[in-house]
mmCIF file of all heavy atoms, coordinates in Angstrom:
data_MODEL
# 
_entry.id   MODEL 
# 
loop_
_atom_site.group_PDB 
_atom_site.id 
_atom_site.type_symbol 
_atom_site.label_atom_id 
_atom_site.label_alt_id 
_atom_site.label_comp_id 
_atom_site.label_asym_id 
_atom_site.label_entity_id 
_atom_site.label_seq_id 
_atom_site.pdbx_PDB_ins_code 
_atom_site.Cartn_x 
_atom_site.Cartn_y 
_atom_site.Cartn_z 
_atom_site.occupancy 
_atom_site.B_iso_or_equiv 
_atom_site.pdbx_formal_charge 
_atom_site.auth_seq_id 
_atom_site.auth_comp_id 
_atom_site.auth_asym_id 
_atom_site.auth_atom_id 
_atom_site.pdbx_PDB_model_num 
ATOM 1   N N   . ARG A 1 1  ? 104.016 113.479 78.560  1.00 0.00 ? 1  ARG A N   1 
ATOM 2   C CA  . ARG A 1 1  ? 102.979 112.469 78.859  1.00 0.00 ? 1  ARG A CA  1 
ATOM 3   C C   . ARG A 1 1  ? 103.642 111.084 79.030  1.00 0.00 ? 1  ARG A C   1 
ATOM 4   O O   . ARG A 1 1  ? 103.302 110.373 79.959  1.00 0.00 ? 1  ARG A O   1 
ATOM 5   C CB  . ARG A 1 1  ? 101.930 112.418 77.730  1.00 0.00 ? 1  ARG A CB  1 
ATOM 6   C CG  . ARG A 1 1  ? 100.869 111.381 77.932  1.00 0.00 ? 1  ARG A CG  1 
ATOM 7   C CD  . ARG A 1 1  ? 99.945  111.247 76.756  1.00 0.00 ? 1  ARG A CD  1 
ATOM 8   N NE  . ARG A 1 1  ? 98.900  110.216 77.013  1.00 0.00 ? 1  ARG A NE  1 
ATOM 9   C CZ  . ARG A 1 1  ? 99.154  108.901 76.957  1.00 0.00 ? 1  ARG A CZ  1 
ATOM 10  N NH1 . ARG A 1 1  ? 100.297 108.425 76.576  1.00 0.00 ? 1  ARG A NH1 1 
ATOM 11  N NH2 . ARG A 1 1  ? 98.136  108.037 77.229  1.00 0.00 ? 1  ARG A NH2 1 
ATOM 12  N N   . GLU A 1 2  ? 104.596 110.741 78.166  1.00 0.00 ? 2  GLU A N   1 
ATOM 13  C CA  . GLU A 1 2  ? 105.277 109.477 78.296  1.00 0.00 ? 2  GLU A CA  1 
ATOM 14  C C   . GLU A 1 2  ? 105.947 109.339 79.604  1.00 0.00 ? 2  GLU A C   1 
ATOM 15  O O   . GLU A 1 2  ? 105.930 108.319 80.256  1.00 0.00 ? 2  GLU A O   1 
ATOM 16  C CB  . GLU A 1 2  ? 106.283 109.322 77.115  1.00 0.00 ? 2  GLU A CB  1 
ATOM 17  C CG  . GLU A 1 2  ? 105.684 109.157 75.756  1.00 0.00 ? 2  GLU A CG  1 
ATOM 18  C CD  . GLU A 1 2  ? 105.323 107.775 75.402  1.00 0.00 ? 2  GLU A CD  1 
ATOM 19  O OE1 . GLU A 1 2  ? 106.100 106.845 75.747  1.00 0.00 ? 2  GLU A OE1 1 
ATOM 20  O OE2 . GLU A 1 2  ? 104.216 107.573 74.850  1.00 0.00 ? 2  GLU A OE2 1 
ATOM 21  N N   . ALA A 1 3  ? 106.638 110.412 80.061  1.00 0.00 ? 3  ALA A N   1 
ATOM 22  C CA  . ALA A 1 3  ? 107.364 110.349 81.303  1.00 0.00 ? 3  ALA A CA  1 
ATOM 23  C C   . ALA A 1 3  ? 106.418 110.101 82.490  1.00 0.00 ? 3  ALA A C   1 
ATOM 24  O O   . ALA A 1 3  ? 106.748 109.327 83.404  1.00 0.00 ? 3  ALA A O   1 
ATOM 25  C CB  . ALA A 1 3  ? 108.095 111.643 81.506  1.00 0.00 ? 3  ALA A CB  1 
ATOM 26  N N   . ILE A 1 4  ? 105.245 110.725 82.450  1.00 0.00 ? 4  ILE A N   1 
ATOM 27  C CA  . ILE A 1 4  ? 104.338 110.568 83.544  1.00 0.00 ? 4  ILE A CA  1 
ATOM 28  C C   . ILE A 1 4  ? 103.501 109.295 83.516  1.00 0.00 ? 4  ILE A C   1 
ATOM 29  O O   . ILE A 1 4  ? 103.352 108.594 84.499  1.00 0.00 ? 4  ILE A O   1 
ATOM 30  C CB  . ILE A 1 4  ? 103.361 111.814 83.627  1.00 0.00 ? 4  ILE A CB  1 
ATOM 31  C CG1 . ILE A 1 4  ? 104.208 113.058 83.807  1.00 0.00 ? 4  ILE A CG1 1 
ATOM 32  C CG2 . ILE A 1 4  ? 102.364 111.678 84.784  1.00 0.00 ? 4  ILE A CG2 1 
ATOM 33  C CD1 . ILE A 1 4  ? 104.981 113.180 85.066  1.00 0.00 ? 4  ILE A CD1 1 
ATOM 34  N N   . VAL A 1 5  ? 102.986 108.971 82.316  1.00 0.00 ? 5  VAL A N   1 
ATOM 35  C CA  . VAL A 1 5  ? 102.047 107.847 82.199  1.00 0.00 ? 5  VAL A CA  1 
ATOM 36  C C   . VAL A 1 5  ? 102.734 106.545 81.883  1.00 0.00 ? 5  VAL A C   1 
ATOM 37  O O   . VAL A 1 5  ? 102.551 105.550 82.588  1.00 0.00 ? 5  VAL A O   1 
ATOM 38  C CB  . VAL A 1 5  ? 101.001 108.185 81.080  1.00 0.00 ? 5  VAL A CB  1 
ATOM 39  C CG1 . VAL A 1 5  ? 100.059 106.973 80.878  1.00 0.00 ? 5  VAL A CG1 1 
ATOM 40  C CG2 . VAL A 1 5  ? 100.208 109.433 81.505  1.00 0.00 ? 5  VAL A CG2 1 
ATOM 41  N N   . VAL A 1 6  ? 103.561 106.521 80.822  1.00 0.00 ? 6  VAL A N   1 
ATOM 42  C CA  . VAL A 1 6  ? 104.102 105.255 80.358  1.00 0.00 ? 6  VAL A CA  1 
ATOM 43  C C   . VAL A 1 6  ? 105.240 104.730 81.287  1.00 0.00 ? 6  VAL A C   1 
ATOM 44  O O   . VAL A 1 6  ? 105.162 103.569 81.754  1.00 0.00 ? 6  VAL A O   1 
ATOM 45  C CB  . VAL A 1 6  ? 104.604 105.409 78.939  1.00 0.00 ? 6  VAL A CB  1 
ATOM 46  C CG1 . VAL A 1 6  ? 105.218 104.058 78.464  1.00 0.00 ? 6  VAL A CG1 1 
ATOM 47  C CG2 . VAL A 1 6  ? 103.469 105.811 77.991  1.00 0.00 ? 6  VAL A CG2 1 
ATOM 48  N N   . GLU A 1 7  ? 106.217 105.575 81.519  1.00 0.00 ? 7  GLU A N   1 
ATOM 49  C CA  . GLU A 1 7  ? 107.275 105.137 82.330  1.00 0.00 ? 7  GLU A CA  1 
ATOM 50  C C   . GLU A 1 7  ? 106.897 104.854 83.844  1.00 0.00 ? 7  GLU A C   1 
ATOM 51  O O   . GLU A 1 7  ? 107.303 103.933 84.442  1.00 0.00 ? 7  GLU A O   1 
ATOM 52  C CB  . GLU A 1 7  ? 108.478 106.118 82.341  1.00 0.00 ? 7  GLU A CB  1 
ATOM 53  C CG  . GLU A 1 7  ? 109.169 106.130 80.986  1.00 0.00 ? 7  GLU A CG  1 
ATOM 54  C CD  . GLU A 1 7  ? 110.517 106.822 81.062  1.00 0.00 ? 7  GLU A CD  1 
ATOM 55  O OE1 . GLU A 1 7  ? 111.386 106.368 81.777  1.00 0.00 ? 7  GLU A OE1 1 
ATOM 56  O OE2 . GLU A 1 7  ? 110.699 107.863 80.343  1.00 0.00 ? 7  GLU A OE2 1 
ATOM 57  N N   . ARG A 1 8  ? 105.968 105.721 84.292  1.00 0.00 ? 8  ARG A N   1 
ATOM 58  C CA  . ARG A 1 8  ? 105.500 105.448 85.685  1.00 0.00 ? 8  ARG A CA  1 
ATOM 59  C C   . ARG A 1 8  ? 104.616 104.205 85.781  1.00 0.00 ? 8  ARG A C   1 
ATOM 60  O O   . ARG A 1 8  ? 104.469 103.645 86.886  1.00 0.00 ? 8  ARG A O   1 
ATOM 61  C CB  . ARG A 1 8  ? 104.738 106.664 86.182  1.00 0.00 ? 8  ARG A CB  1 
ATOM 62  C CG  . ARG A 1 8  ? 105.682 107.812 86.592  1.00 0.00 ? 8  ARG A CG  1 
ATOM 63  C CD  . ARG A 1 8  ? 104.963 108.925 87.324  1.00 0.00 ? 8  ARG A CD  1 
ATOM 64  N NE  . ARG A 1 8  ? 104.597 108.497 88.703  1.00 0.00 ? 8  ARG A NE  1 
ATOM 65  C CZ  . ARG A 1 8  ? 103.819 109.235 89.517  1.00 0.00 ? 8  ARG A CZ  1 
ATOM 66  N NH1 . ARG A 1 8  ? 103.375 110.432 89.074  1.00 0.00 ? 8  ARG A NH1 1 
ATOM 67  N NH2 . ARG A 1 8  ? 103.554 108.800 90.676  1.00 0.00 ? 8  ARG A NH2 1 
ATOM 68  N N   . ALA A 1 9  ? 104.094 103.753 84.702  1.00 0.00 ? 9  ALA A N   1 
ATOM 69  C CA  . ALA A 1 9  ? 103.363 102.463 84.651  1.00 0.00 ? 9  ALA A CA  1 
ATOM 70  C C   . ALA A 1 9  ? 104.341 101.358 84.980  1.00 0.00 ? 9  ALA A C   1 
ATOM 71  O O   . ALA A 1 9  ? 103.973 100.371 85.731  1.00 0.00 ? 9  ALA A O   1 
ATOM 72  C CB  . ALA A 1 9  ? 102.696 102.253 83.359  1.00 0.00 ? 9  ALA A CB  1 
ATOM 73  N N   . LEU A 1 10 ? 105.602 101.445 84.491  1.00 0.00 ? 10 LEU A N   1 
ATOM 74  C CA  . LEU A 1 10 ? 106.642 100.478 84.846  1.00 0.00 ? 10 LEU A CA  1 
ATOM 75  C C   . LEU A 1 10 ? 106.896 100.514 86.322  1.00 0.00 ? 10 LEU A C   1 
ATOM 76  O O   . LEU A 1 10 ? 106.921 99.428  86.989  1.00 0.00 ? 10 LEU A O   1 
ATOM 77  C CB  . LEU A 1 10 ? 107.900 100.795 84.057  1.00 0.00 ? 10 LEU A CB  1 
ATOM 78  C CG  . LEU A 1 10 ? 109.171 100.047 84.508  1.00 0.00 ? 10 LEU A CG  1 
ATOM 79  C CD1 . LEU A 1 10 ? 109.072 98.569  84.099  1.00 0.00 ? 10 LEU A CD1 1 
ATOM 80  C CD2 . LEU A 1 10 ? 110.379 100.696 83.890  1.00 0.00 ? 10 LEU A CD2 1 
ATOM 81  N N   . HIS A 1 11 ? 107.018 101.671 86.892  1.00 0.00 ? 11 HIS A N   1 
ATOM 82  C CA  . HIS A 1 11 ? 107.274 101.762 88.328  1.00 0.00 ? 11 HIS A CA  1 
ATOM 83  C C   . HIS A 1 11 ? 106.092 101.239 89.087  1.00 0.00 ? 11 HIS A C   1 
ATOM 84  O O   . HIS A 1 11 ? 106.277 100.500 90.099  1.00 0.00 ? 11 HIS A O   1 
ATOM 85  C CB  . HIS A 1 11 ? 107.455 103.245 88.764  1.00 0.00 ? 11 HIS A CB  1 
ATOM 86  C CG  . HIS A 1 11 ? 108.720 103.826 88.145  1.00 0.00 ? 11 HIS A CG  1 
ATOM 87  N ND1 . HIS A 1 11 ? 108.877 104.114 86.807  1.00 0.00 ? 11 HIS A ND1 1 
ATOM 88  C CD2 . HIS A 1 11 ? 109.930 104.161 88.724  1.00 0.00 ? 11 HIS A CD2 1 
ATOM 89  C CE1 . HIS A 1 11 ? 110.032 104.623 86.577  1.00 0.00 ? 11 HIS A CE1 1 
ATOM 90  N NE2 . HIS A 1 11 ? 110.720 104.668 87.727  1.00 0.00 ? 11 HIS A NE2 1 
ATOM 91  N N   . GLY A 1 12 ? 104.862 101.493 88.621  1.00 0.00 ? 12 GLY A N   1 
ATOM 92  C CA  . GLY A 1 12 ? 103.675 101.079 89.312  1.00 0.00 ? 12 GLY A CA  1 
ATOM 93  C C   . GLY A 1 12 ? 103.551 99.514  89.374  1.00 0.00 ? 12 GLY A C   1 
ATOM 94  O O   . GLY A 1 12 ? 103.090 98.971  90.381  1.00 0.00 ? 12 GLY A O   1 
ATOM 95  N N   . SER A 1 13 ? 104.048 98.887  88.330  1.00 0.00 ? 13 SER A N   1 
ATOM 96  C CA  . SER A 1 13 ? 103.964 97.375  88.303  1.00 0.00 ? 13 SER A CA  1 
ATOM 97  C C   . SER A 1 13 ? 104.884 96.801  89.356  1.00 0.00 ? 13 SER A C   1 
ATOM 98  O O   . SER A 1 13 ? 104.588 95.853  90.072  1.00 0.00 ? 13 SER A O   1 
ATOM 99  C CB  . SER A 1 13 ? 104.320 96.875  86.913  1.00 0.00 ? 13 SER A CB  1 
ATOM 100 O OG  . SER A 1 13 ? 105.686 97.165  86.574  1.00 0.00 ? 13 SER A OG  1 
ATOM 101 N N   . PHE A 1 14 ? 106.082 97.420  89.469  1.00 0.00 ? 14 PHE A N   1 
ATOM 102 C CA  . PHE A 1 14 ? 107.043 97.007  90.499  1.00 0.00 ? 14 PHE A CA  1 
ATOM 103 C C   . PHE A 1 14 ? 106.455 97.346  91.923  1.00 0.00 ? 14 PHE A C   1 
ATOM 104 O O   . PHE A 1 14 ? 106.560 96.529  92.823  1.00 0.00 ? 14 PHE A O   1 
ATOM 105 C CB  . PHE A 1 14 ? 108.406 97.646  90.334  1.00 0.00 ? 14 PHE A CB  1 
ATOM 106 C CG  . PHE A 1 14 ? 109.253 96.963  89.328  1.00 0.00 ? 14 PHE A CG  1 
ATOM 107 C CD1 . PHE A 1 14 ? 109.594 97.546  88.123  1.00 0.00 ? 14 PHE A CD1 1 
ATOM 108 C CD2 . PHE A 1 14 ? 109.836 95.726  89.593  1.00 0.00 ? 14 PHE A CD2 1 
ATOM 109 C CE1 . PHE A 1 14 ? 110.364 96.965  87.165  1.00 0.00 ? 14 PHE A CE1 1 
ATOM 110 C CE2 . PHE A 1 14 ? 110.645 95.118  88.663  1.00 0.00 ? 14 PHE A CE2 1 
ATOM 111 C CZ  . PHE A 1 14 ? 110.936 95.717  87.464  1.00 0.00 ? 14 PHE A CZ  1 
ATOM 112 N N   . PHE A 1 15 ? 105.922 98.528  92.083  1.00 0.00 ? 15 PHE A N   1 
ATOM 113 C CA  . PHE A 1 15 ? 105.342 98.956  93.394  1.00 0.00 ? 15 PHE A CA  1 
ATOM 114 C C   . PHE A 1 15 ? 104.238 97.988  93.826  1.00 0.00 ? 15 PHE A C   1 
ATOM 115 O O   . PHE A 1 15 ? 104.192 97.628  95.022  1.00 0.00 ? 15 PHE A O   1 
ATOM 116 C CB  . PHE A 1 15 ? 104.848 100.358 93.301  1.00 0.00 ? 15 PHE A CB  1 
ATOM 117 C CG  . PHE A 1 15 ? 105.895 101.414 93.138  1.00 0.00 ? 15 PHE A CG  1 
ATOM 118 C CD1 . PHE A 1 15 ? 105.523 102.747 92.910  1.00 0.00 ? 15 PHE A CD1 1 
ATOM 119 C CD2 . PHE A 1 15 ? 107.280 101.077 93.183  1.00 0.00 ? 15 PHE A CD2 1 
ATOM 120 C CE1 . PHE A 1 15 ? 106.514 103.711 92.802  1.00 0.00 ? 15 PHE A CE1 1 
ATOM 121 C CE2 . PHE A 1 15 ? 108.207 102.087 93.008  1.00 0.00 ? 15 PHE A CE2 1 
ATOM 122 C CZ  . PHE A 1 15 ? 107.847 103.387 92.849  1.00 0.00 ? 15 PHE A CZ  1 
ATOM 123 N N   . LYS A 1 16 ? 103.428 97.573  92.878  1.00 0.00 ? 16 LYS A N   1 
ATOM 124 C CA  . LYS A 1 16 ? 102.335 96.634  93.239  1.00 0.00 ? 16 LYS A CA  1 
ATOM 125 C C   . LYS A 1 16 ? 102.923 95.359  93.707  1.00 0.00 ? 16 LYS A C   1 
ATOM 126 O O   . LYS A 1 16 ? 102.479 94.720  94.677  1.00 0.00 ? 16 LYS A O   1 
ATOM 127 C CB  . LYS A 1 16 ? 101.452 96.431  92.017  1.00 0.00 ? 16 LYS A CB  1 
ATOM 128 C CG  . LYS A 1 16 ? 100.253 95.505  92.320  1.00 0.00 ? 16 LYS A CG  1 
ATOM 129 C CD  . LYS A 1 16 ? 99.326  95.408  91.088  1.00 0.00 ? 16 LYS A CD  1 
ATOM 130 C CE  . LYS A 1 16 ? 98.132  94.547  91.402  1.00 0.00 ? 16 LYS A CE  1 
ATOM 131 N NZ  . LYS A 1 16 ? 97.248  94.419  90.168  1.00 0.00 ? 16 LYS A NZ  1 
ATOM 132 N N   . GLU A 1 17 ? 103.936 94.864  93.011  1.00 0.00 ? 17 GLU A N   1 
ATOM 133 C CA  . GLU A 1 17 ? 104.583 93.574  93.368  1.00 0.00 ? 17 GLU A CA  1 
ATOM 134 C C   . GLU A 1 17 ? 105.220 93.683  94.732  1.00 0.00 ? 17 GLU A C   1 
ATOM 135 O O   . GLU A 1 17 ? 105.191 92.769  95.581  1.00 0.00 ? 17 GLU A O   1 
ATOM 136 C CB  . GLU A 1 17 ? 105.655 93.293  92.362  1.00 0.00 ? 17 GLU A CB  1 
ATOM 137 C CG  . GLU A 1 17 ? 106.499 92.035  92.628  1.00 0.00 ? 17 GLU A CG  1 
ATOM 138 C CD  . GLU A 1 17 ? 107.629 91.824  91.616  1.00 0.00 ? 17 GLU A CD  1 
ATOM 139 O OE1 . GLU A 1 17 ? 107.508 92.359  90.541  1.00 0.00 ? 17 GLU A OE1 1 
ATOM 140 O OE2 . GLU A 1 17 ? 108.574 91.076  91.975  1.00 0.00 ? 17 GLU A OE2 1 
ATOM 141 N N   . TRP A 1 18 ? 105.783 94.875  95.060  1.00 0.00 ? 18 TRP A N   1 
ATOM 142 C CA  . TRP A 1 18 ? 106.453 95.042  96.335  1.00 0.00 ? 18 TRP A CA  1 
ATOM 143 C C   . TRP A 1 18 ? 105.548 95.545  97.479  1.00 0.00 ? 18 TRP A C   1 
ATOM 144 O O   . TRP A 1 18 ? 105.967 95.628  98.622  1.00 0.00 ? 18 TRP A O   1 
ATOM 145 C CB  . TRP A 1 18 ? 107.588 96.080  96.211  1.00 0.00 ? 18 TRP A CB  1 
ATOM 146 C CG  . TRP A 1 18 ? 108.675 95.706  95.195  1.00 0.00 ? 18 TRP A CG  1 
ATOM 147 C CD1 . TRP A 1 18 ? 109.028 94.452  94.822  1.00 0.00 ? 18 TRP A CD1 1 
ATOM 148 C CD2 . TRP A 1 18 ? 109.413 96.609  94.418  1.00 0.00 ? 18 TRP A CD2 1 
ATOM 149 N NE1 . TRP A 1 18 ? 110.035 94.487  93.856  1.00 0.00 ? 18 TRP A NE1 1 
ATOM 150 C CE2 . TRP A 1 18 ? 110.267 95.806  93.587  1.00 0.00 ? 18 TRP A CE2 1 
ATOM 151 C CE3 . TRP A 1 18 ? 109.529 98.002  94.297  1.00 0.00 ? 18 TRP A CE3 1 
ATOM 152 C CZ2 . TRP A 1 18 ? 111.207 96.357  92.722  1.00 0.00 ? 18 TRP A CZ2 1 
ATOM 153 C CZ3 . TRP A 1 18 ? 110.430 98.561  93.450  1.00 0.00 ? 18 TRP A CZ3 1 
ATOM 154 C CH2 . TRP A 1 18 ? 111.244 97.786  92.635  1.00 0.00 ? 18 TRP A CH2 1 
ATOM 155 N N   . GLY A 1 19 ? 104.329 95.837  97.161  1.00 0.00 ? 19 GLY A N   1 
ATOM 156 C CA  . GLY A 1 19 ? 103.433 96.278  98.197  1.00 0.00 ? 19 GLY A CA  1 
ATOM 157 C C   . GLY A 1 19 ? 103.580 97.714  98.623  1.00 0.00 ? 19 GLY A C   1 
ATOM 158 O O   . GLY A 1 19 ? 103.241 98.072  99.729  1.00 0.00 ? 19 GLY A O   1 
ATOM 159 N N   . ILE A 1 20 ? 104.121 98.551  97.701  1.00 0.00 ? 20 ILE A N   1 
ATOM 160 C CA  . ILE A 1 20 ? 104.311 99.973  97.976  1.00 0.00 ? 20 ILE A CA  1 
ATOM 161 C C   . ILE A 1 20 ? 103.042 100.681 97.540  1.00 0.00 ? 20 ILE A C   1 
ATOM 162 O O   . ILE A 1 20 ? 102.699 100.739 96.372  1.00 0.00 ? 20 ILE A O   1 
ATOM 163 C CB  . ILE A 1 20 ? 105.537 100.558 97.247  1.00 0.00 ? 20 ILE A CB  1 
ATOM 164 C CG1 . ILE A 1 20 ? 106.809 99.809  97.683  1.00 0.00 ? 20 ILE A CG1 1 
ATOM 165 C CG2 . ILE A 1 20 ? 105.629 102.049 97.468  1.00 0.00 ? 20 ILE A CG2 1 
ATOM 166 C CD1 . ILE A 1 20 ? 108.060 100.278 96.965  1.00 0.00 ? 20 ILE A CD1 1 
ATOM 167 N N   . THR A 1 21 ? 102.319 101.230 98.497  1.00 0.00 ? 21 THR A N   1 
ATOM 168 C CA  . THR A 1 21 ? 101.076 101.958 98.189  1.00 0.00 ? 21 THR A CA  1 
ATOM 169 C C   . THR A 1 21 ? 101.367 103.375 97.712  1.00 0.00 ? 21 THR A C   1 
ATOM 170 O O   . THR A 1 21 ? 102.461 103.878 97.892  1.00 0.00 ? 21 THR A O   1 
ATOM 171 C CB  . THR A 1 21 ? 100.158 101.998 99.457  1.00 0.00 ? 21 THR A CB  1 
ATOM 172 O OG1 . THR A 1 21 ? 100.847 102.829 100.435 1.00 0.00 ? 21 THR A OG1 1 
ATOM 173 C CG2 . THR A 1 21 ? 99.941  100.642 99.975  1.00 0.00 ? 21 THR A CG2 1 
ATOM 174 N N   . ALA A 1 22 ? 100.352 104.014 97.122  1.00 0.00 ? 22 ALA A N   1 
ATOM 175 C CA  . ALA A 1 22 ? 100.480 105.415 96.711  1.00 0.00 ? 22 ALA A CA  1 
ATOM 176 C C   . ALA A 1 22 ? 100.811 106.266 97.874  1.00 0.00 ? 22 ALA A C   1 
ATOM 177 O O   . ALA A 1 22 ? 101.659 107.221 97.767  1.00 0.00 ? 22 ALA A O   1 
ATOM 178 C CB  . ALA A 1 22 ? 99.198  105.883 96.033  1.00 0.00 ? 22 ALA A CB  1 
ATOM 179 N N   . GLY A 1 23 ? 100.219 106.005 99.063  1.00 0.00 ? 23 GLY A N   1 
ATOM 180 C CA  . GLY A 1 23 ? 100.497 106.800 100.197 1.00 0.00 ? 23 GLY A CA  1 
ATOM 181 C C   . GLY A 1 23 ? 101.962 106.624 100.674 1.00 0.00 ? 23 GLY A C   1 
ATOM 182 O O   . GLY A 1 23 ? 102.617 107.620 101.101 1.00 0.00 ? 23 GLY A O   1 
ATOM 183 N N   . ALA A 1 24 ? 102.415 105.373 100.659 1.00 0.00 ? 24 ALA A N   1 
ATOM 184 C CA  . ALA A 1 24 ? 103.823 105.126 101.104 1.00 0.00 ? 24 ALA A CA  1 
ATOM 185 C C   . ALA A 1 24 ? 104.797 105.811 100.138 1.00 0.00 ? 24 ALA A C   1 
ATOM 186 O O   . ALA A 1 24 ? 105.810 106.335 100.569 1.00 0.00 ? 24 ALA A O   1 
ATOM 187 C CB  . ALA A 1 24 ? 104.041 103.624 101.133 1.00 0.00 ? 24 ALA A CB  1 
ATOM 188 N N   . PHE A 1 25 ? 104.490 105.773 98.851  1.00 0.00 ? 25 PHE A N   1 
ATOM 189 C CA  . PHE A 1 25 ? 105.317 106.447 97.899  1.00 0.00 ? 25 PHE A CA  1 
ATOM 190 C C   . PHE A 1 25 ? 105.362 107.956 98.140  1.00 0.00 ? 25 PHE A C   1 
ATOM 191 O O   . PHE A 1 25 ? 106.444 108.577 98.234  1.00 0.00 ? 25 PHE A O   1 
ATOM 192 C CB  . PHE A 1 25 ? 104.869 106.184 96.440  1.00 0.00 ? 25 PHE A CB  1 
ATOM 193 C CG  . PHE A 1 25 ? 105.495 107.087 95.430  1.00 0.00 ? 25 PHE A CG  1 
ATOM 194 C CD1 . PHE A 1 25 ? 106.819 106.970 95.096  1.00 0.00 ? 25 PHE A CD1 1 
ATOM 195 C CD2 . PHE A 1 25 ? 104.695 108.130 94.812  1.00 0.00 ? 25 PHE A CD2 1 
ATOM 196 C CE1 . PHE A 1 25 ? 107.383 107.837 94.174  1.00 0.00 ? 25 PHE A CE1 1 
ATOM 197 C CE2 . PHE A 1 25 ? 105.279 108.967 93.936  1.00 0.00 ? 25 PHE A CE2 1 
ATOM 198 C CZ  . PHE A 1 25 ? 106.634 108.836 93.532  1.00 0.00 ? 25 PHE A CZ  1 
ATOM 199 N N   . ALA A 1 26 ? 104.214 108.571 98.316  1.00 0.00 ? 26 ALA A N   1 
ATOM 200 C CA  . ALA A 1 26 ? 104.125 109.993 98.499  1.00 0.00 ? 26 ALA A CA  1 
ATOM 201 C C   . ALA A 1 26 ? 104.821 110.428 99.809  1.00 0.00 ? 26 ALA A C   1 
ATOM 202 O O   . ALA A 1 26 ? 105.365 111.538 99.888  1.00 0.00 ? 26 ALA A O   1 
ATOM 203 C CB  . ALA A 1 26 ? 102.631 110.411 98.563  1.00 0.00 ? 26 ALA A CB  1 
ATOM 204 N N   . ASP A 1 27 ? 104.868 109.531 100.834 1.00 0.00 ? 27 ASP A N   1 
ATOM 205 C CA  . ASP A 1 27 ? 105.473 109.866 102.086 1.00 0.00 ? 27 ASP A CA  1 
ATOM 206 C C   . ASP A 1 27 ? 107.042 109.662 102.080 1.00 0.00 ? 27 ASP A C   1 
ATOM 207 O O   . ASP A 1 27 ? 107.663 110.020 103.057 1.00 0.00 ? 27 ASP A O   1 
ATOM 208 C CB  . ASP A 1 27 ? 104.899 109.033 103.225 1.00 0.00 ? 27 ASP A CB  1 
ATOM 209 C CG  . ASP A 1 27 ? 103.476 109.439 103.512 1.00 0.00 ? 27 ASP A CG  1 
ATOM 210 O OD1 . ASP A 1 27 ? 103.052 110.577 103.154 1.00 0.00 ? 27 ASP A OD1 1 
ATOM 211 O OD2 . ASP A 1 27 ? 102.742 108.645 104.124 1.00 0.00 ? 27 ASP A OD2 1 
ATOM 212 N N   . THR A 1 28 ? 107.540 109.105 101.009 1.00 0.00 ? 28 THR A N   1 
ATOM 213 C CA  . THR A 1 28 ? 108.979 108.837 100.920 1.00 0.00 ? 28 THR A CA  1 
ATOM 214 C C   . THR A 1 28 ? 109.699 110.095 100.422 1.00 0.00 ? 28 THR A C   1 
ATOM 215 O O   . THR A 1 28 ? 109.408 110.565 99.330  1.00 0.00 ? 28 THR A O   1 
ATOM 216 C CB  . THR A 1 28 ? 109.339 107.687 99.947  1.00 0.00 ? 28 THR A CB  1 
ATOM 217 O OG1 . THR A 1 28 ? 108.644 106.551 100.377 1.00 0.00 ? 28 THR A OG1 1 
ATOM 218 C CG2 . THR A 1 28 ? 110.831 107.404 99.918  1.00 0.00 ? 28 THR A CG2 1 
# 
């Protein structure tokens, strides 16, 4: 759970700052 929820929250904060959408992430 930590790997999926907590650590990915860190990634999500950076992605929001950089304008990386969920779709753009999934397509990478």
